[in-house]
C-alpha atoms as a PDB file:
ATOM      1  CA  MET A   1      66.025 157.600 180.382  1.00  0.00           C
ATOM      2  CA  PHE A   2      65.433 154.286 181.598  1.00  0.00           C
ATOM      3  CA  ASN A   3      65.250 153.355 184.985  1.00  0.00           C
ATOM      4  CA  LEU A   4      65.349 149.642 186.466  1.00  0.00           C
ATOM      5  CA  LYS A   5      61.753 149.494 187.127  1.00  0.00           C
ATOM      6  CA  THR A   6      61.077 149.911 183.478  1.00  0.00           C
ATOM      7  CA  LEU A   7      63.575 147.231 182.069  1.00  0.00           C
ATOM      8  CA  GLN A   8      61.915 144.783 185.015  1.00  0.00           C
ATOM      9  CA  ARG A   9      58.367 145.392 183.576  1.00  0.00           C
ATOM     10  CA  ASN A  10      59.543 144.763 180.192  1.00  0.00           C
ATOM     11  CA  LYS A  11      58.769 141.619 178.664  1.00  0.00           C
ATOM     12  CA  THR A  12      61.246 141.317 175.733  1.00  0.00           C
ATOM     13  CA  VAL A  13      63.856 141.884 179.171  1.00  0.00           C
ATOM     14  CA  LYS A  14      62.395 139.413 181.201  1.00  0.00           C
ATOM     15  CA  TYR A  15      62.005 136.861 179.145  1.00  0.00           C
ATOM     16  CA  GLY A  16      63.777 137.244 175.613  1.00  0.00           C
ATOM     17  CA  VAL A  17      67.363 137.660 176.848  1.00  0.00           C
ATOM     18  CA  PRO A  18      67.590 134.846 178.845  1.00  0.00           C
ATOM     19  CA  MET A  19      66.100 133.069 176.238  1.00  0.00           C
ATOM     20  CA  LEU A  20      68.499 134.142 173.736  1.00  0.00           C
ATOM     21  CA  LEU A  21      71.241 133.720 175.454  1.00  0.00           C
ATOM     22  CA  LEU A  22      70.123 129.951 176.367  1.00  0.00           C
ATOM     23  CA  ILE A  23      70.065 129.327 173.064  1.00  0.00           C
ATOM     24  CA  VAL A  24      73.492 130.961 171.963  1.00  0.00           C
ATOM     25  CA  GLY A  25      74.853 129.218 174.673  1.00  0.00           C
ATOM     26  CA  GLY A  26      73.682 125.918 174.447  1.00  0.00           C
ATOM     27  CA  SER A  27      74.818 126.081 170.887  1.00  0.00           C
ATOM     28  CA  PHE A  28      78.359 126.734 172.015  1.00  0.00           C
ATOM     29  CA  GLY A  29      78.237 123.767 175.031  1.00  0.00           C
ATOM     30  CA  LEU A  30      76.226 120.753 172.191  1.00  0.00           C
ATOM     31  CA  ARG A  31      78.917 122.000 169.727  1.00  0.00           C
ATOM     32  CA  GLU A  32      81.751 121.309 172.445  1.00  0.00           C
ATOM     33  CA  PHE A  33      79.708 118.188 173.549  1.00  0.00           C
ATOM     34  CA  THR A  34      79.320 116.658 170.118  1.00  0.00           C
ATOM     35  CA  GLN A  35      83.012 117.067 169.512  1.00  0.00           C
ATOM     36  CA  ILE A  36      83.764 115.255 172.564  1.00  0.00           C
ATOM     37  CA  ARG A  37      81.680 112.642 171.311  1.00  0.00           C
ATOM     38  CA  TYR A  38      83.378 112.422 167.727  1.00  0.00           C
ATOM     39  CA  ASP A  39      86.760 112.488 168.901  1.00  0.00           C
ATOM     40  CA  ALA A  40      85.990 109.404 170.850  1.00  0.00           C
ATOM     41  CA  GLN A  41      85.067 107.296 168.215  1.00  0.00           C
ATOM     42  CA  LYS A  42      87.958 108.128 166.218  1.00  0.00           C
ATOM     43  CA  ILE A  43      90.313 106.739 169.127  1.00  0.00           C
ATOM     44  CA  ARG A  44      87.961 103.665 169.589  1.00  0.00           C
ATOM     45  CA  LYS A  45      88.283 102.985 165.538  1.00  0.00           C
ATOM     46  CA  LYS A  46      91.800 102.999 165.871  1.00  0.00           C
ATOM     47  CA  LEU A  47      92.789  99.232 165.327  1.00  0.00           C
ATOM     48  CA  ASP A  48      95.716  97.091 166.318  1.00  0.00           C
ATOM     49  CA  PRO A  49      97.557  96.496 163.609  1.00  0.00           C
ATOM     50  CA  SER A  50      96.676  92.654 163.520  1.00  0.00           C
ATOM     51  CA  LEU A  51      93.024  93.059 163.659  1.00  0.00           C
ATOM     52  CA  GLU A  52      93.533  95.648 161.110  1.00  0.00           C
ATOM     53  CA  ALA A  53      95.416  93.318 158.901  1.00  0.00           C
ATOM     54  CA  LYS A  54      92.650  90.904 159.616  1.00  0.00           C
ATOM     55  CA  VAL A  55      89.901  93.506 158.422  1.00  0.00           C
ATOM     56  CA  ASP A  56      91.880  94.773 155.343  1.00  0.00           C
ATOM     57  CA  VAL A  57      91.658  91.952 152.704  1.00  0.00           C
ATOM     58  CA  GLN A  58      95.556  93.155 150.652  1.00  0.00           C
ATOM     59  CA  ARG A  59      96.887  92.250 153.863  1.00  0.00           C
ATOM     60  CA  GLN A  60      94.589  89.035 154.902  1.00  0.00           C
ATOM     61  CA  SER A  61      96.378  87.259 152.575  1.00  0.00           C
ATOM     62  CA  VAL A  62      99.795  87.970 153.888  1.00  0.00           C
ATOM     63  CA  ILE A  63      98.327  87.114 156.944  1.00  0.00           C
ATOM     64  CA  LEU A  64      96.943  83.892 156.473  1.00  0.00           C
ATOM     65  CA  GLN A  65      99.929  82.671 155.142  1.00  0.00           C
ATOM     66  CA  GLU A  66     102.150  83.507 157.891  1.00  0.00           C
ATOM     67  CA  GLU A  67      99.506  81.465 159.774  1.00  0.00           C
ATOM     68  CA  TYR A  68      99.918  78.424 157.483  1.00  0.00           C
ATOM     69  CA  GLU A  69     103.710  78.566 157.790  1.00  0.00           C
ATOM     70  CA  VAL A  70     103.818  79.048 161.550  1.00  0.00           C
ATOM     71  CA  VAL A  71     100.898  75.962 162.088  1.00  0.00           C
ATOM     72  CA  GLY A  72     102.963  74.069 159.391  1.00  0.00           C
ATOM     73  CA  ALA A  73     106.763  75.053 161.408  1.00  0.00           C
ATOM     74  CA  CYS A  74     105.158  73.874 164.909  1.00  0.00           C
ATOM     75  CA  ARG A  75     103.969  70.311 163.060  1.00  0.00           C
ATOM     76  CA  ALA A  76     106.430  69.838 160.479  1.00  0.00           C
ATOM     77  CA  ASN A  77     107.649  66.615 162.238  1.00  0.00           C
ATOM     78  CA  SER A  78     104.667  66.128 163.678  1.00  0.00           C
ATOM     79  CA  GLN A  79     103.058  62.306 162.355  1.00  0.00           C
ATOM     80  CA  ARG A  80      99.642  64.098 163.584  1.00  0.00           C
ATOM     81  CA  THR A  81     100.451  66.500 160.443  1.00  0.00           C
ATOM     82  CA  ARG A  82      98.478  64.414 157.595  1.00  0.00           C
ATOM     83  CA  TRP A  83      96.483  66.941 156.328  1.00  0.00           C
ATOM     84  CA  TRP A  84      99.166  69.689 154.989  1.00  0.00           C
ATOM     85  CA  THR A  85     100.037  68.165 152.116  1.00  0.00           C
ATOM     86  CA  PRO A  86     101.419  69.477 148.594  1.00  0.00           C
ATOM     87  CA  ALA A  87      98.033  69.817 146.891  1.00  0.00           C
ATOM     88  CA  VAL A  88      96.722  71.954 150.302  1.00  0.00           C
ATOM     89  CA  MET A  89      99.444  73.899 149.809  1.00  0.00           C
ATOM     90  CA  GLU A  90      98.878  74.600 146.446  1.00  0.00           C
ATOM     91  CA  ALA A  91      95.145  75.150 147.256  1.00  0.00           C
ATOM     92  CA  VAL A  92      96.700  78.045 149.510  1.00  0.00           C
ATOM     93  CA  LYS A  93      98.323  79.478 146.896  1.00  0.00           C
ATOM     94  CA  LEU A  94      95.215  79.347 144.679  1.00  0.00           C
ATOM     95  CA  LYS A  95      92.750  81.122 147.435  1.00  0.00           C
ATOM     96  CA  GLU A  96      96.151  83.794 148.420  1.00  0.00           C
ATOM     97  CA  GLU A  97      96.122  84.465 144.281  1.00  0.00           C
ATOM     98  CA  SER A  98      92.157  84.457 144.319  1.00  0.00           C
ATOM     99  CA  PHE A  99      92.274  87.543 146.865  1.00  0.00           C
ATOM    100  CA  ARG A 100      94.801  89.379 145.464  1.00  0.00           C
ATOM    101  CA  ALA A 101      92.856  89.269 142.236  1.00  0.00           C
END
């Protein structure tokens, strides 16, 4: 039927088959590499809970209130904390309510 020399001289077999193998094999390889890329991006996007709270507006007001309480508790008996007055506390509460709305 066909001998080896006839197949070696055929341009379809000589150039077409390797090209087809390259295209099909390349698509499988490319799919694997892009999946690795997206998996790495997904891992990088996972944030620390404290950083995530800073980004999330709903949880941001709670974090701010906790920080103000920590600052107020640390310096409550100090003479240098004259800025933490009832007016400032009221302004902080109003700011938190505006974030929640």
